PDB file of all heavy atoms in Angstrom:
ATOM      1  N   THR A   1      -7.896  -5.026 -24.348  1.00  0.00           N
ATOM      2  CA  THR A   1      -7.118  -4.016 -23.789  1.00  0.00           C
ATOM      3  C   THR A   1      -7.901  -2.896 -23.137  1.00  0.00           C
ATOM      4  O   THR A   1      -8.742  -2.315 -23.868  1.00  0.00           O
ATOM      5  CB  THR A   1      -6.152  -3.382 -24.849  1.00  0.00           C
ATOM      6  OG1 THR A   1      -5.361  -4.478 -25.356  1.00  0.00           O
ATOM      7  CG2 THR A   1      -5.267  -2.328 -24.271  1.00  0.00           C
ATOM      8  N   PRO A   2      -7.723  -2.539 -21.855  1.00  0.00           N
ATOM      9  CA  PRO A   2      -8.492  -1.449 -21.352  1.00  0.00           C
ATOM     10  C   PRO A   2      -8.217  -0.132 -21.945  1.00  0.00           C
ATOM     11  O   PRO A   2      -7.061   0.127 -22.342  1.00  0.00           O
ATOM     12  CB  PRO A   2      -8.089  -1.496 -19.816  1.00  0.00           C
ATOM     13  CG  PRO A   2      -6.674  -2.121 -19.828  1.00  0.00           C
ATOM     14  CD  PRO A   2      -6.736  -3.094 -20.935  1.00  0.00           C
ATOM     15  N   ALA A   3      -9.186   0.685 -22.122  1.00  0.00           N
ATOM     16  CA  ALA A   3      -9.050   1.949 -22.836  1.00  0.00           C
ATOM     17  C   ALA A   3      -9.467   3.134 -21.990  1.00  0.00           C
ATOM     18  O   ALA A   3      -8.736   4.136 -21.952  1.00  0.00           O
ATOM     19  CB  ALA A   3      -9.847   1.914 -24.155  1.00  0.00           C
ATOM     20  N   THR A   4     -10.540   3.054 -21.295  1.00  0.00           N
ATOM     21  CA  THR A   4     -10.971   4.103 -20.479  1.00  0.00           C
ATOM     22  C   THR A   4     -10.358   4.079 -19.069  1.00  0.00           C
ATOM     23  O   THR A   4      -9.916   2.970 -18.665  1.00  0.00           O
ATOM     24  CB  THR A   4     -12.515   4.176 -20.337  1.00  0.00           C
ATOM     25  OG1 THR A   4     -12.924   3.041 -19.559  1.00  0.00           O
ATOM     26  CG2 THR A   4     -13.175   4.093 -21.678  1.00  0.00           C
ATOM     27  N   TRP A   5     -10.341   5.207 -18.372  1.00  0.00           N
ATOM     28  CA  TRP A   5      -9.796   5.150 -17.013  1.00  0.00           C
ATOM     29  C   TRP A   5     -10.454   4.178 -16.064  1.00  0.00           C
ATOM     30  O   TRP A   5      -9.794   3.410 -15.365  1.00  0.00           O
ATOM     31  CB  TRP A   5      -9.757   6.578 -16.416  1.00  0.00           C
ATOM     32  CG  TRP A   5      -9.325   6.610 -15.011  1.00  0.00           C
ATOM     33  CD1 TRP A   5     -10.014   7.130 -13.917  1.00  0.00           C
ATOM     34  CD2 TRP A   5      -8.079   6.080 -14.474  1.00  0.00           C
ATOM     35  NE1 TRP A   5      -9.316   6.940 -12.756  1.00  0.00           N
ATOM     36  CE2 TRP A   5      -8.147   6.306 -13.080  1.00  0.00           C
ATOM     37  CE3 TRP A   5      -7.023   5.434 -15.015  1.00  0.00           C
ATOM     38  CZ2 TRP A   5      -7.114   5.917 -12.213  1.00  0.00           C
ATOM     39  CZ3 TRP A   5      -5.965   5.004 -14.191  1.00  0.00           C
ATOM     40  CH2 TRP A   5      -6.026   5.248 -12.792  1.00  0.00           C
ATOM     41  N   PRO A   6     -11.796   4.064 -16.016  1.00  0.00           N
ATOM     42  CA  PRO A   6     -12.394   3.045 -15.217  1.00  0.00           C
ATOM     43  C   PRO A   6     -11.914   1.666 -15.566  1.00  0.00           C
ATOM     44  O   PRO A   6     -11.719   0.788 -14.657  1.00  0.00           O
ATOM     45  CB  PRO A   6     -13.908   3.224 -15.441  1.00  0.00           C
ATOM     46  CG  PRO A   6     -14.058   4.634 -15.766  1.00  0.00           C
ATOM     47  CD  PRO A   6     -12.850   4.980 -16.651  1.00  0.00           C
ATOM     48  N   GLU A   7     -11.765   1.310 -16.879  1.00  0.00           N
ATOM     49  CA  GLU A   7     -11.305   0.023 -17.263  1.00  0.00           C
ATOM     50  C   GLU A   7      -9.845  -0.191 -16.855  1.00  0.00           C
ATOM     51  O   GLU A   7      -9.471  -1.236 -16.366  1.00  0.00           O
ATOM     52  CB  GLU A   7     -11.400  -0.126 -18.793  1.00  0.00           C
ATOM     53  CG  GLU A   7     -12.827  -0.202 -19.361  1.00  0.00           C
ATOM     54  CD  GLU A   7     -12.873  -0.207 -20.828  1.00  0.00           C
ATOM     55  OE1 GLU A   7     -11.893   0.348 -21.491  1.00  0.00           O
ATOM     56  OE2 GLU A   7     -13.934  -0.609 -21.383  1.00  0.00           O
ATOM     57  N   ILE A   8      -9.030   0.855 -17.015  1.00  0.00           N
ATOM     58  CA  ILE A   8      -7.617   0.735 -16.645  1.00  0.00           C
ATOM     59  C   ILE A   8      -7.502   0.584 -15.147  1.00  0.00           C
ATOM     60  O   ILE A   8      -6.740  -0.204 -14.605  1.00  0.00           O
ATOM     61  CB  ILE A   8      -6.864   2.003 -17.109  1.00  0.00           C
ATOM     62  CG1 ILE A   8      -6.735   1.954 -18.645  1.00  0.00           C
ATOM     63  CG2 ILE A   8      -5.430   2.051 -16.476  1.00  0.00           C
ATOM     64  CD1 ILE A   8      -6.215   3.274 -19.217  1.00  0.00           C
ATOM     65  N   ARG A   9      -8.307   1.330 -14.366  1.00  0.00           N
ATOM     66  CA  ARG A   9      -8.254   1.181 -12.904  1.00  0.00           C
ATOM     67  C   ARG A   9      -8.698  -0.218 -12.486  1.00  0.00           C
ATOM     68  O   ARG A   9      -8.018  -0.800 -11.556  1.00  0.00           O
ATOM     69  CB  ARG A   9      -9.180   2.272 -12.298  1.00  0.00           C
ATOM     70  CG  ARG A   9      -9.160   2.310 -10.784  1.00  0.00           C
ATOM     71  CD  ARG A   9      -9.788   3.572 -10.263  1.00  0.00           C
ATOM     72  NE  ARG A   9     -11.107   3.752 -10.895  1.00  0.00           N
ATOM     73  CZ  ARG A   9     -11.790   4.879 -10.836  1.00  0.00           C
ATOM     74  NH1 ARG A   9     -11.278   5.962 -10.292  1.00  0.00           N
ATOM     75  NH2 ARG A   9     -13.047   4.947 -11.304  1.00  0.00           N
ATOM     76  N   SER A  10      -9.651  -0.784 -13.132  1.00  0.00           N
ATOM     77  CA  SER A  10     -10.045  -2.155 -12.782  1.00  0.00           C
ATOM     78  C   SER A  10      -8.973  -3.127 -13.176  1.00  0.00           C
ATOM     79  O   SER A  10      -8.693  -4.128 -12.406  1.00  0.00           O
ATOM     80  CB  SER A  10     -11.358  -2.526 -13.482  1.00  0.00           C
ATOM     81  OG  SER A  10     -12.398  -1.724 -12.964  1.00  0.00           O
ATOM     82  N   TRP A  11      -8.361  -2.915 -14.332  1.00  0.00           N
ATOM     83  CA  TRP A  11      -7.242  -3.760 -14.767  1.00  0.00           C
ATOM     84  C   TRP A  11      -6.138  -3.734 -13.787  1.00  0.00           C
ATOM     85  O   TRP A  11      -5.479  -4.749 -13.391  1.00  0.00           O
ATOM     86  CB  TRP A  11      -6.778  -3.393 -16.166  1.00  0.00           C
ATOM     87  CG  TRP A  11      -5.631  -4.128 -16.642  1.00  0.00           C
ATOM     88  CD1 TRP A  11      -5.660  -5.338 -17.344  1.00  0.00           C
ATOM     89  CD2 TRP A  11      -4.231  -3.835 -16.522  1.00  0.00           C
ATOM     90  NE1 TRP A  11      -4.387  -5.782 -17.639  1.00  0.00           N
ATOM     91  CE2 TRP A  11      -3.502  -4.914 -17.131  1.00  0.00           C
ATOM     92  CE3 TRP A  11      -3.587  -2.714 -15.941  1.00  0.00           C
ATOM     93  CZ2 TRP A  11      -2.094  -4.859 -17.185  1.00  0.00           C
ATOM     94  CZ3 TRP A  11      -2.197  -2.717 -15.968  1.00  0.00           C
ATOM     95  CH2 TRP A  11      -1.453  -3.780 -16.584  1.00  0.00           C
ATOM     96  N   ARG A  12      -5.763  -2.507 -13.325  1.00  0.00           N
ATOM     97  CA  ARG A  12      -4.627  -2.352 -12.411  1.00  0.00           C
ATOM     98  C   ARG A  12      -4.957  -3.093 -11.063  1.00  0.00           C
ATOM     99  O   ARG A  12      -4.065  -3.703 -10.502  1.00  0.00           O
ATOM    100  CB  ARG A  12      -4.386  -0.885 -12.143  1.00  0.00           C
ATOM    101  CG  ARG A  12      -3.724  -0.126 -13.298  1.00  0.00           C
ATOM    102  CD  ARG A  12      -3.363   1.278 -12.897  1.00  0.00           C
ATOM    103  NE  ARG A  12      -2.721   2.002 -14.032  1.00  0.00           N
ATOM    104  CZ  ARG A  12      -2.252   3.219 -13.954  1.00  0.00           C
ATOM    105  NH1 ARG A  12      -2.376   3.900 -12.800  1.00  0.00           N
ATOM    106  NH2 ARG A  12      -1.691   3.817 -15.004  1.00  0.00           N
ATOM    107  N   LYS A  13      -6.153  -2.987 -10.657  1.00  0.00           N
ATOM    108  CA  LYS A  13      -6.482  -3.647  -9.356  1.00  0.00           C
ATOM    109  C   LYS A  13      -6.376  -5.127  -9.478  1.00  0.00           C
ATOM    110  O   LYS A  13      -5.773  -5.862  -8.682  1.00  0.00           O
ATOM    111  CB  LYS A  13      -7.856  -3.287  -8.884  1.00  0.00           C
ATOM    112  CG  LYS A  13      -8.258  -3.918  -7.582  1.00  0.00           C
ATOM    113  CD  LYS A  13      -9.699  -3.645  -7.199  1.00  0.00           C
ATOM    114  CE  LYS A  13     -10.019  -4.248  -5.803  1.00  0.00           C
ATOM    115  NZ  LYS A  13      -9.714  -5.686  -5.684  1.00  0.00           N
ATOM    116  N   ALA A  14      -6.874  -5.735 -10.594  1.00  0.00           N
ATOM    117  CA  ALA A  14      -6.793  -7.145 -10.816  1.00  0.00           C
ATOM    118  C   ALA A  14      -5.297  -7.622 -11.020  1.00  0.00           C
ATOM    119  O   ALA A  14      -4.942  -8.646 -10.450  1.00  0.00           O
ATOM    120  CB  ALA A  14      -7.625  -7.523 -12.069  1.00  0.00           C
ATOM    121  N   THR A  15      -4.549  -6.814 -11.704  1.00  0.00           N
ATOM    122  CA  THR A  15      -3.172  -7.116 -11.867  1.00  0.00           C
ATOM    123  C   THR A  15      -2.369  -7.019 -10.587  1.00  0.00           C
ATOM    124  O   THR A  15      -1.557  -7.883 -10.232  1.00  0.00           O
ATOM    125  CB  THR A  15      -2.507  -6.173 -12.939  1.00  0.00           C
ATOM    126  OG1 THR A  15      -3.272  -6.308 -14.192  1.00  0.00           O
ATOM    127  CG2 THR A  15      -1.086  -6.518 -13.221  1.00  0.00           C
ATOM    128  N   ARG A  16      -2.644  -5.987  -9.845  1.00  0.00           N
ATOM    129  CA  ARG A  16      -2.031  -5.796  -8.549  1.00  0.00           C
ATOM    130  C   ARG A  16      -2.325  -6.955  -7.615  1.00  0.00           C
ATOM    131  O   ARG A  16      -1.368  -7.510  -6.975  1.00  0.00           O
ATOM    132  CB  ARG A  16      -2.516  -4.515  -7.902  1.00  0.00           C
ATOM    133  CG  ARG A  16      -1.920  -4.121  -6.579  1.00  0.00           C
ATOM    134  CD  ARG A  16      -2.570  -2.907  -5.976  1.00  0.00           C
ATOM    135  NE  ARG A  16      -2.459  -1.756  -6.880  1.00  0.00           N
ATOM    136  CZ  ARG A  16      -3.513  -1.171  -7.490  1.00  0.00           C
ATOM    137  NH1 ARG A  16      -4.708  -1.533  -7.343  1.00  0.00           N
ATOM    138  NH2 ARG A  16      -3.201  -0.129  -8.299  1.00  0.00           N
ATOM    139  N   ASP A  17      -3.542  -7.366  -7.529  1.00  0.00           N
ATOM    140  CA  ASP A  17      -3.920  -8.440  -6.689  1.00  0.00           C
ATOM    141  C   ASP A  17      -3.196  -9.772  -7.059  1.00  0.00           C
ATOM    142  O   ASP A  17      -2.764 -10.525  -6.215  1.00  0.00           O
ATOM    143  CB  ASP A  17      -5.402  -8.664  -6.733  1.00  0.00           C
ATOM    144  CG  ASP A  17      -6.232  -7.547  -6.040  1.00  0.00           C
ATOM    145  OD1 ASP A  17      -5.560  -6.700  -5.350  1.00  0.00           O
ATOM    146  OD2 ASP A  17      -7.473  -7.501  -6.218  1.00  0.00           O
ATOM    147  N   ALA A  18      -3.106  -9.968  -8.378  1.00  0.00           N
ATOM    148  CA  ALA A  18      -2.376 -11.213  -8.855  1.00  0.00           C
ATOM    149  C   ALA A  18      -0.958 -11.191  -8.500  1.00  0.00           C
ATOM    150  O   ALA A  18      -0.380 -12.163  -8.058  1.00  0.00           O
ATOM    151  CB  ALA A  18      -2.675 -11.371 -10.371  1.00  0.00           C
ATOM    152  N   ILE A  19      -0.275 -10.055  -8.708  1.00  0.00           N
ATOM    153  CA  ILE A  19       1.143  -9.935  -8.436  1.00  0.00           C
ATOM    154  C   ILE A  19       1.372 -10.099  -6.975  1.00  0.00           C
ATOM    155  O   ILE A  19       2.324 -10.831  -6.496  1.00  0.00           O
ATOM    156  CB  ILE A  19       1.729  -8.615  -8.953  1.00  0.00           C
ATOM    157  CG1 ILE A  19       1.722  -8.534 -10.446  1.00  0.00           C
ATOM    158  CG2 ILE A  19       3.148  -8.401  -8.463  1.00  0.00           C
ATOM    159  CD1 ILE A  19       2.135  -7.253 -11.091  1.00  0.00           C
ATOM    160  N   LEU A  20       0.606  -9.450  -6.090  1.00  0.00           N
ATOM    161  CA  LEU A  20       0.795  -9.505  -4.696  1.00  0.00           C
ATOM    162  C   LEU A  20       0.614 -10.921  -4.176  1.00  0.00           C
ATOM    163  O   LEU A  20       1.351 -11.424  -3.286  1.00  0.00           O
ATOM    164  CB  LEU A  20      -0.113  -8.544  -4.015  1.00  0.00           C
ATOM    165  CG  LEU A  20       0.255  -7.087  -4.135  1.00  0.00           C
ATOM    166  CD1 LEU A  20      -0.820  -6.207  -3.485  1.00  0.00           C
ATOM    167  CD2 LEU A  20       1.614  -6.765  -3.562  1.00  0.00           C
ATOM    168  N   ALA A  21      -0.372 -11.640  -4.678  1.00  0.00           N
ATOM    169  CA  ALA A  21      -0.623 -13.011  -4.280  1.00  0.00           C
ATOM    170  C   ALA A  21       0.637 -13.872  -4.589  1.00  0.00           C
ATOM    171  O   ALA A  21       1.043 -14.713  -3.788  1.00  0.00           O
ATOM    172  CB  ALA A  21      -1.889 -13.550  -4.940  1.00  0.00           C
ATOM    173  N   ARG A  22       1.154 -13.703  -5.839  1.00  0.00           N
ATOM    174  CA  ARG A  22       2.342 -14.450  -6.183  1.00  0.00           C
ATOM    175  C   ARG A  22       3.542 -14.104  -5.393  1.00  0.00           C
ATOM    176  O   ARG A  22       4.366 -14.941  -4.981  1.00  0.00           O
ATOM    177  CB  ARG A  22       2.629 -14.270  -7.695  1.00  0.00           C
ATOM    178  CG  ARG A  22       1.458 -14.807  -8.531  1.00  0.00           C
ATOM    179  CD  ARG A  22       1.785 -14.630 -10.053  1.00  0.00           C
ATOM    180  NE  ARG A  22       0.520 -14.844 -10.799  1.00  0.00           N
ATOM    181  CZ  ARG A  22       0.472 -14.966 -12.087  1.00  0.00           C
ATOM    182  NH1 ARG A  22       1.615 -14.988 -12.850  1.00  0.00           N
ATOM    183  NH2 ARG A  22      -0.666 -15.112 -12.717  1.00  0.00           N
ATOM    184  N   ARG A  23       3.717 -12.781  -5.086  1.00  0.00           N
ATOM    185  CA  ARG A  23       4.829 -12.350  -4.289  1.00  0.00           C
ATOM    186  C   ARG A  23       4.803 -12.881  -2.906  1.00  0.00           C
ATOM    187  O   ARG A  23       5.827 -13.340  -2.400  1.00  0.00           O
ATOM    188  CB  ARG A  23       4.879 -10.764  -4.271  1.00  0.00           C
ATOM    189  CG  ARG A  23       6.172 -10.256  -3.681  1.00  0.00           C
ATOM    190  CD  ARG A  23       6.255  -8.757  -3.840  1.00  0.00           C
ATOM    191  NE  ARG A  23       5.437  -8.036  -2.923  1.00  0.00           N
ATOM    192  CZ  ARG A  23       5.237  -6.675  -2.962  1.00  0.00           C
ATOM    193  NH1 ARG A  23       5.816  -5.929  -3.966  1.00  0.00           N
ATOM    194  NH2 ARG A  23       4.463  -6.075  -2.108  1.00  0.00           N
ATOM    195  N   MET A  24       3.671 -12.878  -2.267  1.00  0.00           N
ATOM    196  CA  MET A  24       3.501 -13.336  -0.945  1.00  0.00           C
ATOM    197  C   MET A  24       3.656 -14.868  -0.845  1.00  0.00           C
ATOM    198  O   MET A  24       4.120 -15.433   0.195  1.00  0.00           O
ATOM    199  CB  MET A  24       2.151 -12.958  -0.347  1.00  0.00           C
ATOM    200  CG  MET A  24       2.024 -11.495  -0.125  1.00  0.00           C
ATOM    201  SD  MET A  24       3.261 -10.820   1.062  1.00  0.00           S
ATOM    202  CE  MET A  24       2.713 -11.639   2.516  1.00  0.00           C
ATOM    203  N   ALA A  25       3.348 -15.593  -1.908  1.00  0.00           N
ATOM    204  CA  ALA A  25       3.543 -17.018  -1.950  1.00  0.00           C
ATOM    205  C   ALA A  25       5.013 -17.433  -2.142  1.00  0.00           C
ATOM    206  O   ALA A  25       5.301 -18.602  -1.931  1.00  0.00           O
ATOM    207  CB  ALA A  25       2.705 -17.625  -3.051  1.00  0.00           C
ATOM    208  N   ARG A  26       5.829 -16.535  -2.554  1.00  0.00           N
ATOM    209  CA  ARG A  26       7.271 -16.849  -2.764  1.00  0.00           C
ATOM    210  C   ARG A  26       7.958 -17.056  -1.416  1.00  0.00           C
ATOM    211  O   ARG A  26       7.789 -16.299  -0.507  1.00  0.00           O
ATOM    212  CB  ARG A  26       7.938 -15.753  -3.542  1.00  0.00           C
ATOM    213  CG  ARG A  26       9.402 -15.887  -3.727  1.00  0.00           C
ATOM    214  CD  ARG A  26       9.932 -14.791  -4.687  1.00  0.00           C
ATOM    215  NE  ARG A  26       9.963 -15.307  -6.045  1.00  0.00           N
ATOM    216  CZ  ARG A  26       9.794 -14.554  -7.154  1.00  0.00           C
ATOM    217  NH1 ARG A  26       9.536 -13.291  -7.051  1.00  0.00           N
ATOM    218  NH2 ARG A  26       9.829 -15.113  -8.342  1.00  0.00           N
ATOM    219  N   PRO A  27       8.702 -18.111  -1.229  1.00  0.00           N
ATOM    220  CA  PRO A  27       9.362 -18.380   0.055  1.00  0.00           C
ATOM    221  C   PRO A  27      10.278 -17.197   0.448  1.00  0.00           C
ATOM    222  O   PRO A  27      10.891 -16.564  -0.349  1.00  0.00           O
ATOM    223  CB  PRO A  27      10.213 -19.650  -0.285  1.00  0.00           C
ATOM    224  CG  PRO A  27       9.495 -20.312  -1.397  1.00  0.00           C
ATOM    225  CD  PRO A  27       8.956 -19.206  -2.205  1.00  0.00           C
ATOM    226  N   VAL A  28      10.364 -16.953   1.779  1.00  0.00           N
ATOM    227  CA  VAL A  28      11.119 -15.892   2.334  1.00  0.00           C
ATOM    228  C   VAL A  28      12.588 -15.935   1.851  1.00  0.00           C
ATOM    229  O   VAL A  28      13.148 -14.966   1.472  1.00  0.00           O
ATOM    230  CB  VAL A  28      10.968 -15.838   3.863  1.00  0.00           C
ATOM    231  CG1 VAL A  28      11.958 -14.793   4.416  1.00  0.00           C
ATOM    232  CG2 VAL A  28       9.609 -15.560   4.239  1.00  0.00           C
ATOM    233  N   GLU A  29      13.206 -17.129   1.913  1.00  0.00           N
ATOM    234  CA  GLU A  29      14.574 -17.233   1.553  1.00  0.00           C
ATOM    235  C   GLU A  29      14.832 -16.960   0.107  1.00  0.00           C
ATOM    236  O   GLU A  29      15.828 -16.357  -0.308  1.00  0.00           O
ATOM    237  CB  GLU A  29      15.080 -18.683   1.893  1.00  0.00           C
ATOM    238  CG  GLU A  29      15.272 -18.878   3.343  1.00  0.00           C
ATOM    239  CD  GLU A  29      16.209 -17.882   4.023  1.00  0.00           C
ATOM    240  OE1 GLU A  29      17.293 -17.528   3.424  1.00  0.00           O
ATOM    241  OE2 GLU A  29      15.883 -17.358   5.067  1.00  0.00           O
ATOM    242  N   GLU A  30      13.844 -17.296  -0.769  1.00  0.00           N
ATOM    243  CA  GLU A  30      13.959 -16.977  -2.166  1.00  0.00           C
ATOM    244  C   GLU A  30      13.927 -15.504  -2.394  1.00  0.00           C
ATOM    245  O   GLU A  30      14.650 -14.900  -3.159  1.00  0.00           O
ATOM    246  CB  GLU A  30      12.877 -17.674  -3.004  1.00  0.00           C
ATOM    247  CG  GLU A  30      12.976 -17.416  -4.466  1.00  0.00           C
ATOM    248  CD  GLU A  30      11.876 -18.140  -5.269  1.00  0.00           C
ATOM    249  OE1 GLU A  30      11.208 -18.999  -4.663  1.00  0.00           O
ATOM    250  OE2 GLU A  30      11.739 -17.764  -6.436  1.00  0.00           O
ATOM    251  N   ARG A  31      12.997 -14.812  -1.586  1.00  0.00           N
ATOM    252  CA  ARG A  31      12.853 -13.372  -1.781  1.00  0.00           C
ATOM    253  C   ARG A  31      14.191 -12.694  -1.335  1.00  0.00           C
ATOM    254  O   ARG A  31      14.637 -11.729  -1.972  1.00  0.00           O
ATOM    255  CB  ARG A  31      11.668 -12.833  -0.934  1.00  0.00           C
ATOM    256  CG  ARG A  31      10.307 -13.196  -1.486  1.00  0.00           C
ATOM    257  CD  ARG A  31       9.268 -12.288  -0.977  1.00  0.00           C
ATOM    258  NE  ARG A  31       9.191 -12.169   0.491  1.00  0.00           N
ATOM    259  CZ  ARG A  31       8.275 -12.849   1.208  1.00  0.00           C
ATOM    260  NH1 ARG A  31       7.414 -13.682   0.562  1.00  0.00           N
ATOM    261  NH2 ARG A  31       8.189 -12.703   2.518  1.00  0.00           N
ATOM    262  N   ARG A  32      14.741 -13.241  -0.277  1.00  0.00           N
ATOM    263  CA  ARG A  32      15.984 -12.586   0.244  1.00  0.00           C
ATOM    264  C   ARG A  32      17.110 -12.774  -0.792  1.00  0.00           C
ATOM    265  O   ARG A  32      17.888 -11.789  -1.032  1.00  0.00           O
ATOM    266  CB  ARG A  32      16.440 -13.302   1.493  1.00  0.00           C
ATOM    267  CG  ARG A  32      15.563 -12.908   2.729  1.00  0.00           C
ATOM    268  CD  ARG A  32      15.997 -13.689   3.940  1.00  0.00           C
ATOM    269  NE  ARG A  32      15.216 -13.289   5.098  1.00  0.00           N
ATOM    270  CZ  ARG A  32      15.098 -14.056   6.276  1.00  0.00           C
ATOM    271  NH1 ARG A  32      15.727 -15.222   6.308  1.00  0.00           N
ATOM    272  NH2 ARG A  32      14.330 -13.631   7.256  1.00  0.00           N
ATOM    273  N   GLY A  33      17.242 -13.960  -1.405  1.00  0.00           N
ATOM    274  CA  GLY A  33      18.224 -14.134  -2.438  1.00  0.00           C
ATOM    275  C   GLY A  33      18.043 -13.211  -3.636  1.00  0.00           C
ATOM    276  O   GLY A  33      19.010 -12.643  -4.173  1.00  0.00           O
ATOM    277  N   LEU A  34      16.814 -13.048  -4.096  1.00  0.00           N
ATOM    278  CA  LEU A  34      16.504 -12.193  -5.190  1.00  0.00           C
ATOM    279  C   LEU A  34      16.782 -10.741  -4.912  1.00  0.00           C
ATOM    280  O   LEU A  34      17.069  -9.903  -5.731  1.00  0.00           O
ATOM    281  CB  LEU A  34      15.096 -12.389  -5.685  1.00  0.00           C
ATOM    282  CG  LEU A  34      14.738 -13.695  -6.352  1.00  0.00           C
ATOM    283  CD1 LEU A  34      13.249 -13.830  -6.583  1.00  0.00           C
ATOM    284  CD2 LEU A  34      15.503 -13.891  -7.684  1.00  0.00           C
ATOM    285  N   SER A  35      16.679 -10.352  -3.587  1.00  0.00           N
ATOM    286  CA  SER A  35      16.874  -9.005  -3.157  1.00  0.00           C
ATOM    287  C   SER A  35      18.312  -8.596  -3.150  1.00  0.00           C
ATOM    288  O   SER A  35      18.675  -7.394  -3.258  1.00  0.00           O
ATOM    289  CB  SER A  35      16.297  -8.797  -1.744  1.00  0.00           C
ATOM    290  OG  SER A  35      14.880  -9.045  -1.682  1.00  0.00           O
ATOM    291  N   GLU A  36      19.219  -9.538  -3.045  1.00  0.00           N
ATOM    292  CA  GLU A  36      20.667  -9.210  -2.856  1.00  0.00           C
ATOM    293  C   GLU A  36      21.243  -8.372  -3.990  1.00  0.00           C
ATOM    294  O   GLU A  36      21.956  -7.399  -3.728  1.00  0.00           O
ATOM    295  CB  GLU A  36      21.480 -10.505  -2.723  1.00  0.00           C
ATOM    296  CG  GLU A  36      21.177 -11.212  -1.355  1.00  0.00           C
ATOM    297  CD  GLU A  36      21.942 -12.489  -1.198  1.00  0.00           C
ATOM    298  OE1 GLU A  36      22.656 -12.909  -2.179  1.00  0.00           O
ATOM    299  OE2 GLU A  36      21.832 -13.191  -0.186  1.00  0.00           O
ATOM    300  N   PRO A  37      20.969  -8.660  -5.293  1.00  0.00           N
ATOM    301  CA  PRO A  37      21.537  -7.770  -6.331  1.00  0.00           C
ATOM    302  C   PRO A  37      21.023  -6.372  -6.267  1.00  0.00           C
ATOM    303  O   PRO A  37      21.686  -5.403  -6.520  1.00  0.00           O
ATOM    304  CB  PRO A  37      21.107  -8.459  -7.604  1.00  0.00           C
ATOM    305  CG  PRO A  37      20.878  -9.912  -7.243  1.00  0.00           C
ATOM    306  CD  PRO A  37      20.304  -9.795  -5.870  1.00  0.00           C
ATOM    307  N   VAL A  38      19.738  -6.215  -5.866  1.00  0.00           N
ATOM    308  CA  VAL A  38      19.156  -4.918  -5.770  1.00  0.00           C
ATOM    309  C   VAL A  38      19.794  -4.098  -4.651  1.00  0.00           C
ATOM    310  O   VAL A  38      20.211  -2.915  -4.811  1.00  0.00           O
ATOM    311  CB  VAL A  38      17.651  -4.986  -5.479  1.00  0.00           C
ATOM    312  CG1 VAL A  38      17.003  -3.628  -5.359  1.00  0.00           C
ATOM    313  CG2 VAL A  38      16.909  -5.771  -6.642  1.00  0.00           C
ATOM    314  N   ILE A  39      19.990  -4.707  -3.486  1.00  0.00           N
ATOM    315  CA  ILE A  39      20.588  -4.045  -2.308  1.00  0.00           C
ATOM    316  C   ILE A  39      22.049  -3.733  -2.624  1.00  0.00           C
ATOM    317  O   ILE A  39      22.544  -2.626  -2.257  1.00  0.00           O
ATOM    318  CB  ILE A  39      20.440  -4.868  -1.044  1.00  0.00           C
ATOM    319  CG1 ILE A  39      18.923  -5.000  -0.696  1.00  0.00           C
ATOM    320  CG2 ILE A  39      21.178  -4.263   0.120  1.00  0.00           C
ATOM    321  CD1 ILE A  39      18.654  -5.962   0.378  1.00  0.00           C
ATOM    322  N   ALA A  40      22.773  -4.581  -3.374  1.00  0.00           N
ATOM    323  CA  ALA A  40      24.149  -4.338  -3.726  1.00  0.00           C
ATOM    324  C   ALA A  40      24.204  -3.105  -4.592  1.00  0.00           C
ATOM    325  O   ALA A  40      25.149  -2.257  -4.571  1.00  0.00           O
ATOM    326  CB  ALA A  40      24.752  -5.552  -4.492  1.00  0.00           C
ATOM    327  N   TYR A  41      23.243  -2.994  -5.557  1.00  0.00           N
ATOM    328  CA  TYR A  41      23.223  -1.807  -6.417  1.00  0.00           C
ATOM    329  C   TYR A  41      22.984  -0.545  -5.599  1.00  0.00           C
ATOM    330  O   TYR A  41      23.664   0.465  -5.751  1.00  0.00           O
ATOM    331  CB  TYR A  41      22.089  -1.916  -7.477  1.00  0.00           C
ATOM    332  CG  TYR A  41      21.798  -0.652  -8.158  1.00  0.00           C
ATOM    333  CD1 TYR A  41      22.570  -0.135  -9.183  1.00  0.00           C
ATOM    334  CD2 TYR A  41      20.570   0.065  -7.814  1.00  0.00           C
ATOM    335  CE1 TYR A  41      22.274   1.070  -9.750  1.00  0.00           C
ATOM    336  CE2 TYR A  41      20.338   1.314  -8.436  1.00  0.00           C
ATOM    337  CZ  TYR A  41      21.151   1.769  -9.385  1.00  0.00           C
ATOM    338  OH  TYR A  41      20.883   2.971  -9.962  1.00  0.00           O
ATOM    339  N   LEU A  42      22.105  -0.598  -4.682  1.00  0.00           N
ATOM    340  CA  LEU A  42      21.822   0.576  -3.827  1.00  0.00           C
ATOM    341  C   LEU A  42      23.049   0.921  -3.014  1.00  0.00           C
ATOM    342  O   LEU A  42      23.450   2.152  -2.869  1.00  0.00           O
ATOM    343  CB  LEU A  42      20.631   0.324  -2.852  1.00  0.00           C
ATOM    344  CG  LEU A  42      19.261   0.154  -3.537  1.00  0.00           C
ATOM    345  CD1 LEU A  42      18.226  -0.139  -2.508  1.00  0.00           C
ATOM    346  CD2 LEU A  42      18.878   1.375  -4.316  1.00  0.00           C
ATOM    347  N   ARG A  43      23.743  -0.058  -2.473  1.00  0.00           N
ATOM    348  CA  ARG A  43      24.970   0.252  -1.666  1.00  0.00           C
ATOM    349  C   ARG A  43      26.039   0.848  -2.514  1.00  0.00           C
ATOM    350  O   ARG A  43      26.721   1.806  -1.984  1.00  0.00           O
ATOM    351  CB  ARG A  43      25.520  -1.061  -1.097  1.00  0.00           C
ATOM    352  CG  ARG A  43      24.708  -1.576   0.051  1.00  0.00           C
ATOM    353  CD  ARG A  43      25.235  -2.955   0.595  1.00  0.00           C
ATOM    354  NE  ARG A  43      24.597  -3.374   1.824  1.00  0.00           N
ATOM    355  CZ  ARG A  43      24.301  -4.650   2.089  1.00  0.00           C
ATOM    356  NH1 ARG A  43      24.602  -5.587   1.200  1.00  0.00           N
ATOM    357  NH2 ARG A  43      23.716  -4.897   3.181  1.00  0.00           N
ATOM    358  N   ALA A  44      26.149   0.506  -3.776  1.00  0.00           N
ATOM    359  CA  ALA A  44      27.154   1.121  -4.676  1.00  0.00           C
ATOM    360  C   ALA A  44      26.736   2.489  -5.154  1.00  0.00           C
ATOM    361  O   ALA A  44      27.632   3.318  -5.493  1.00  0.00           O
ATOM    362  CB  ALA A  44      27.407   0.130  -5.872  1.00  0.00           C
TER     363      ALA A  44
END
């Protein structure tokens, strides 16, 4: 578990890169479908 700010910053970068890679690999239509409940909440 990262403890110091430099360790946390490095952990955040690695985690961010992993999440973004997975998000970009998700098909566009799947992203659109998953977005619908969020947008419905905002509209309401």
